[in-house]
Amino acid sequence: MSALVKFTKKEYTFIEDKFGVNKKQVDTYSEDELYDLQDKCSDLEIEAIGAAGDEDLSDEGKTAAEIVTKIGNALCPEEDSEDDEADEE
């Protein structure tokens, strides 16, 4: 099975450090497992935002946010459909 999402080395390291899941395991994740990973990373991102206050988001928070976005883009890509065009009329 091919990976549904391709992460960077930094992102794979983050996932392994935070959740104990290595690259080989992540690359075999189903959509449901990726959505679960996205939820977990979203929770970390939210915690990091709260901790940052008025300061810049930590590297950990930024990496979590990158993973959330990457999974979302891979599993729910924007679609240019006729429905979108109809909404604009």
N, C-alpha and C. Protein backbone atom coordinates (compact mmCIF):
# COMPACT_ATOMS: atom_id res chain seq x y z
N MET A 1 0.84 -1.19 0.00
CA MET A 1 0.00 0.00 0.00
C MET A 1 0.88 1.24 0.00
N SER A 2 0.55 2.18 -0.83
CA SER A 2 1.28 3.44 -0.92
C SER A 2 0.75 4.40 0.14
N ALA A 3 1.63 5.26 0.64
CA ALA A 3 1.22 6.23 1.65
C ALA A 3 0.20 7.21 1.07
N LEU A 4 -0.84 7.48 1.84
CA LEU A 4 -1.85 8.45 1.40
C LEU A 4 -1.35 9.88 1.57
N VAL A 5 -0.44 10.07 2.51
CA VAL A 5 0.13 11.39 2.78
C VAL A 5 1.64 11.23 2.90
N LYS A 6 2.37 12.11 2.25
CA LYS A 6 3.83 12.10 2.34
C LYS A 6 4.26 13.21 3.31
N PHE A 7 4.86 12.81 4.40
CA PHE A 7 5.33 13.76 5.40
C PHE A 7 6.82 14.01 5.21
N THR A 8 7.29 15.12 5.76
CA THR A 8 8.72 15.42 5.75
C THR A 8 9.40 14.63 6.86
N LYS A 9 10.71 14.57 6.80
CA LYS A 9 11.47 13.87 7.85
C LYS A 9 11.16 14.48 9.22
N LYS A 10 11.09 15.80 9.27
CA LYS A 10 10.77 16.51 10.52
C LYS A 10 9.39 16.08 11.04
N GLU A 11 8.42 15.96 10.14
CA GLU A 11 7.06 15.58 10.55
C GLU A 11 7.02 14.13 11.02
N TYR A 12 7.74 13.23 10.31
CA TYR A 12 7.80 11.83 10.76
C TYR A 12 8.43 11.74 12.14
N THR A 13 9.49 12.49 12.37
CA THR A 13 10.16 12.49 13.68
C THR A 13 9.20 13.00 14.76
N PHE A 14 8.47 14.05 14.47
CA PHE A 14 7.48 14.60 15.40
C PHE A 14 6.43 13.55 15.75
N ILE A 15 5.90 12.88 14.74
CA ILE A 15 4.87 11.86 14.95
C ILE A 15 5.41 10.72 15.81
N GLU A 16 6.63 10.30 15.53
CA GLU A 16 7.21 9.22 16.32
C GLU A 16 7.46 9.66 17.76
N ASP A 17 7.97 10.87 17.93
CA ASP A 17 8.25 11.38 19.29
C ASP A 17 6.97 11.55 20.11
N LYS A 18 5.94 12.04 19.48
CA LYS A 18 4.69 12.34 20.20
C LYS A 18 3.77 11.14 20.38
N PHE A 19 3.76 10.25 19.38
CA PHE A 19 2.75 9.19 19.39
C PHE A 19 3.34 7.78 19.31
N GLY A 20 4.66 7.68 19.21
CA GLY A 20 5.30 6.37 19.18
C GLY A 20 5.04 5.55 17.94
N VAL A 21 4.78 6.23 16.84
CA VAL A 21 4.47 5.56 15.58
C VAL A 21 5.57 5.91 14.58
N ASN A 22 6.21 4.89 13.99
CA ASN A 22 7.30 5.17 13.07
C ASN A 22 6.80 5.40 11.64
N LYS A 23 7.74 5.83 10.78
CA LYS A 23 7.42 6.16 9.38
C LYS A 23 6.73 5.00 8.67
N LYS A 24 7.27 3.82 8.84
CA LYS A 24 6.71 2.65 8.15
C LYS A 24 5.24 2.43 8.55
N GLN A 25 4.95 2.60 9.83
CA GLN A 25 3.58 2.44 10.30
C GLN A 25 2.67 3.54 9.76
N VAL A 26 3.14 4.78 9.83
CA VAL A 26 2.33 5.91 9.37
C VAL A 26 2.01 5.76 7.88
N ASP A 27 2.99 5.30 7.11
CA ASP A 27 2.80 5.17 5.66
C ASP A 27 1.76 4.12 5.29
N THR A 28 1.37 3.27 6.24
CA THR A 28 0.33 2.27 5.97
C THR A 28 -1.02 2.66 6.57
N TYR A 29 -1.09 3.85 7.15
CA TYR A 29 -2.34 4.29 7.78
C TYR A 29 -3.49 4.37 6.78
N SER A 30 -4.66 3.98 7.24
CA SER A 30 -5.89 4.15 6.47
C SER A 30 -6.37 5.60 6.63
N GLU A 31 -7.39 5.96 5.88
CA GLU A 31 -7.95 7.31 6.01
C GLU A 31 -8.41 7.56 7.44
N ASP A 32 -9.08 6.59 8.05
CA ASP A 32 -9.57 6.76 9.41
C ASP A 32 -8.42 6.99 10.39
N GLU A 33 -7.34 6.25 10.21
CA GLU A 33 -6.18 6.43 11.10
C GLU A 33 -5.52 7.79 10.87
N LEU A 34 -5.52 8.26 9.63
CA LEU A 34 -4.97 9.59 9.36
C LEU A 34 -5.85 10.68 9.97
N TYR A 35 -7.16 10.50 9.91
CA TYR A 35 -8.05 11.48 10.55
C TYR A 35 -7.82 11.50 12.06
N ASP A 36 -7.57 10.33 12.66
CA ASP A 36 -7.27 10.26 14.08
C ASP A 36 -5.96 10.99 14.39
N LEU A 37 -4.95 10.78 13.56
CA LEU A 37 -3.68 11.49 13.72
C LEU A 37 -3.89 12.99 13.57
N GLN A 38 -4.72 13.39 12.63
CA GLN A 38 -5.02 14.80 12.43
C GLN A 38 -5.67 15.40 13.68
N ASP A 39 -6.60 14.68 14.28
CA ASP A 39 -7.26 15.14 15.50
C ASP A 39 -6.25 15.31 16.64
N LYS A 40 -5.35 14.35 16.79
CA LYS A 40 -4.35 14.42 17.85
C LYS A 40 -3.41 15.60 17.64
N CYS A 41 -3.01 15.80 16.40
CA CYS A 41 -2.12 16.94 16.10
C CYS A 41 -2.86 18.26 16.27
N SER A 42 -4.13 18.28 15.94
CA SER A 42 -4.94 19.48 16.14
C SER A 42 -5.00 19.85 17.62
N ASP A 43 -5.16 18.84 18.47
CA ASP A 43 -5.16 19.09 19.92
C ASP A 43 -3.83 19.70 20.37
N LEU A 44 -2.72 19.18 19.85
CA LEU A 44 -1.40 19.72 20.19
C LEU A 44 -1.25 21.15 19.68
N GLU A 45 -1.75 21.41 18.50
CA GLU A 45 -1.69 22.75 17.93
C GLU A 45 -2.48 23.74 18.80
N ILE A 46 -3.66 23.34 19.23
CA ILE A 46 -4.50 24.20 20.07
C ILE A 46 -3.81 24.48 21.40
N GLU A 47 -3.21 23.46 21.99
CA GLU A 47 -2.46 23.65 23.24
C GLU A 47 -1.32 24.63 23.04
N ALA A 48 -0.61 24.50 21.93
CA ALA A 48 0.52 25.38 21.63
C ALA A 48 0.07 26.81 21.41
N ILE A 49 -1.07 26.99 20.77
CA ILE A 49 -1.61 28.33 20.56
C ILE A 49 -1.94 28.97 21.90
N GLY A 50 -2.57 28.20 22.78
CA GLY A 50 -2.90 28.71 24.11
C GLY A 50 -1.67 29.07 24.91
N ALA A 51 -0.65 28.24 24.81
CA ALA A 51 0.58 28.49 25.56
C ALA A 51 1.35 29.68 25.00
N ALA A 52 1.22 29.93 23.71
CA ALA A 52 1.98 31.00 23.07
C ALA A 52 1.46 32.38 23.45
N GLY A 53 0.16 32.48 23.69
CA GLY A 53 -0.41 33.79 24.00
C GLY A 53 -0.14 34.75 22.86
N ASP A 54 0.53 35.87 23.19
CA ASP A 54 0.85 36.88 22.18
C ASP A 54 2.17 36.60 21.47
N GLU A 55 2.86 35.55 21.89
CA GLU A 55 4.15 35.19 21.29
C GLU A 55 3.94 34.34 20.03
N ASP A 56 5.03 34.14 19.29
CA ASP A 56 4.98 33.27 18.11
C ASP A 56 4.71 31.83 18.53
N LEU A 57 4.07 31.10 17.66
CA LEU A 57 3.79 29.69 17.91
C LEU A 57 5.11 28.91 17.97
N SER A 58 5.20 27.99 18.91
CA SER A 58 6.41 27.17 19.06
C SER A 58 6.63 26.31 17.82
N ASP A 59 7.87 25.81 17.67
CA ASP A 59 8.16 24.91 16.55
C ASP A 59 7.27 23.68 16.61
N GLU A 60 7.03 23.17 17.82
CA GLU A 60 6.15 22.02 17.98
C GLU A 60 4.74 22.34 17.49
N GLY A 61 4.24 23.51 17.85
CA GLY A 61 2.91 23.92 17.40
C GLY A 61 2.84 24.09 15.90
N LYS A 62 3.91 24.65 15.33
CA LYS A 62 3.95 24.83 13.87
C LYS A 62 3.97 23.48 13.15
N THR A 63 4.75 22.54 13.67
CA THR A 63 4.82 21.22 13.04
C THR A 63 3.47 20.52 13.14
N ALA A 64 2.83 20.60 14.29
CA ALA A 64 1.50 20.00 14.44
C ALA A 64 0.52 20.62 13.44
N ALA A 65 0.59 21.94 13.28
CA ALA A 65 -0.29 22.63 12.33
C ALA A 65 -0.02 22.19 10.90
N GLU A 66 1.27 22.01 10.56
CA GLU A 66 1.63 21.55 9.21
C GLU A 66 1.04 20.16 8.93
N ILE A 67 1.10 19.29 9.92
CA ILE A 67 0.57 17.93 9.75
C ILE A 67 -0.94 17.97 9.58
N VAL A 68 -1.62 18.78 10.39
CA VAL A 68 -3.09 18.92 10.29
C VAL A 68 -3.47 19.38 8.88
N THR A 69 -2.77 20.39 8.39
CA THR A 69 -3.06 20.93 7.07
C THR A 69 -2.75 19.92 5.97
N LYS A 70 -1.61 19.25 6.09
CA LYS A 70 -1.20 18.28 5.07
C LYS A 70 -2.20 17.14 4.96
N ILE A 71 -2.66 16.62 6.09
CA ILE A 71 -3.64 15.53 6.06
C ILE A 71 -4.95 16.03 5.47
N GLY A 72 -5.37 17.21 5.90
CA GLY A 72 -6.62 17.77 5.36
C GLY A 72 -6.57 17.97 3.86
N ASN A 73 -5.46 18.50 3.37
CA ASN A 73 -5.31 18.72 1.93
C ASN A 73 -5.28 17.41 1.15
N ALA A 74 -4.67 16.38 1.73
CA ALA A 74 -4.56 15.09 1.05
C ALA A 74 -5.89 14.34 1.01
N LEU A 75 -6.63 14.41 2.10
CA LEU A 75 -7.87 13.62 2.19
C LEU A 75 -9.11 14.38 1.75
N CYS A 76 -9.06 15.68 1.78
CA CYS A 76 -10.22 16.50 1.39
C CYS A 76 -9.76 17.64 0.49
N PRO A 77 -9.23 17.31 -0.69
CA PRO A 77 -8.73 18.37 -1.56
C PRO A 77 -9.85 19.28 -2.04
N GLU A 78 -9.50 20.53 -2.28
CA GLU A 78 -10.46 21.48 -2.84
C GLU A 78 -10.85 20.98 -4.21
N GLU A 79 -12.13 21.06 -4.50
CA GLU A 79 -12.60 20.59 -5.79
C GLU A 79 -13.15 21.76 -6.58
N ASP A 80 -12.72 21.88 -7.82
CA ASP A 80 -13.30 22.86 -8.73
C ASP A 80 -14.46 22.16 -9.43
N SER A 81 -15.63 22.38 -8.90
CA SER A 81 -16.78 21.68 -9.47
C SER A 81 -17.80 22.66 -9.98
N GLU A 82 -18.75 22.14 -10.72
CA GLU A 82 -19.83 22.96 -11.22
C GLU A 82 -20.66 23.52 -10.08
N ASP A 83 -20.71 22.80 -8.96
CA ASP A 83 -21.47 23.28 -7.80
C ASP A 83 -20.87 24.58 -7.28
N ASP A 84 -19.54 24.70 -7.26
CA ASP A 84 -18.89 25.91 -6.81
C ASP A 84 -19.24 27.08 -7.74
N GLU A 85 -19.24 26.80 -9.03
CA GLU A 85 -19.59 27.84 -10.01
C GLU A 85 -21.03 28.24 -9.86
N ALA A 86 -21.91 27.31 -9.58
CA ALA A 86 -23.33 27.62 -9.41
C ALA A 86 -23.55 28.49 -8.19
N ASP A 87 -22.75 28.30 -7.14
CA ASP A 87 -22.87 29.10 -5.93
C ASP A 87 -22.51 30.57 -6.19
N GLU A 88 -21.66 30.81 -7.18
CA GLU A 88 -21.21 32.15 -7.46
C GLU A 88 -22.22 32.93 -8.29
N GLU A 89 -23.16 32.25 -8.91
CA GLU A 89 -24.14 32.93 -9.78
C GLU A 89 -25.20 33.62 -9.00
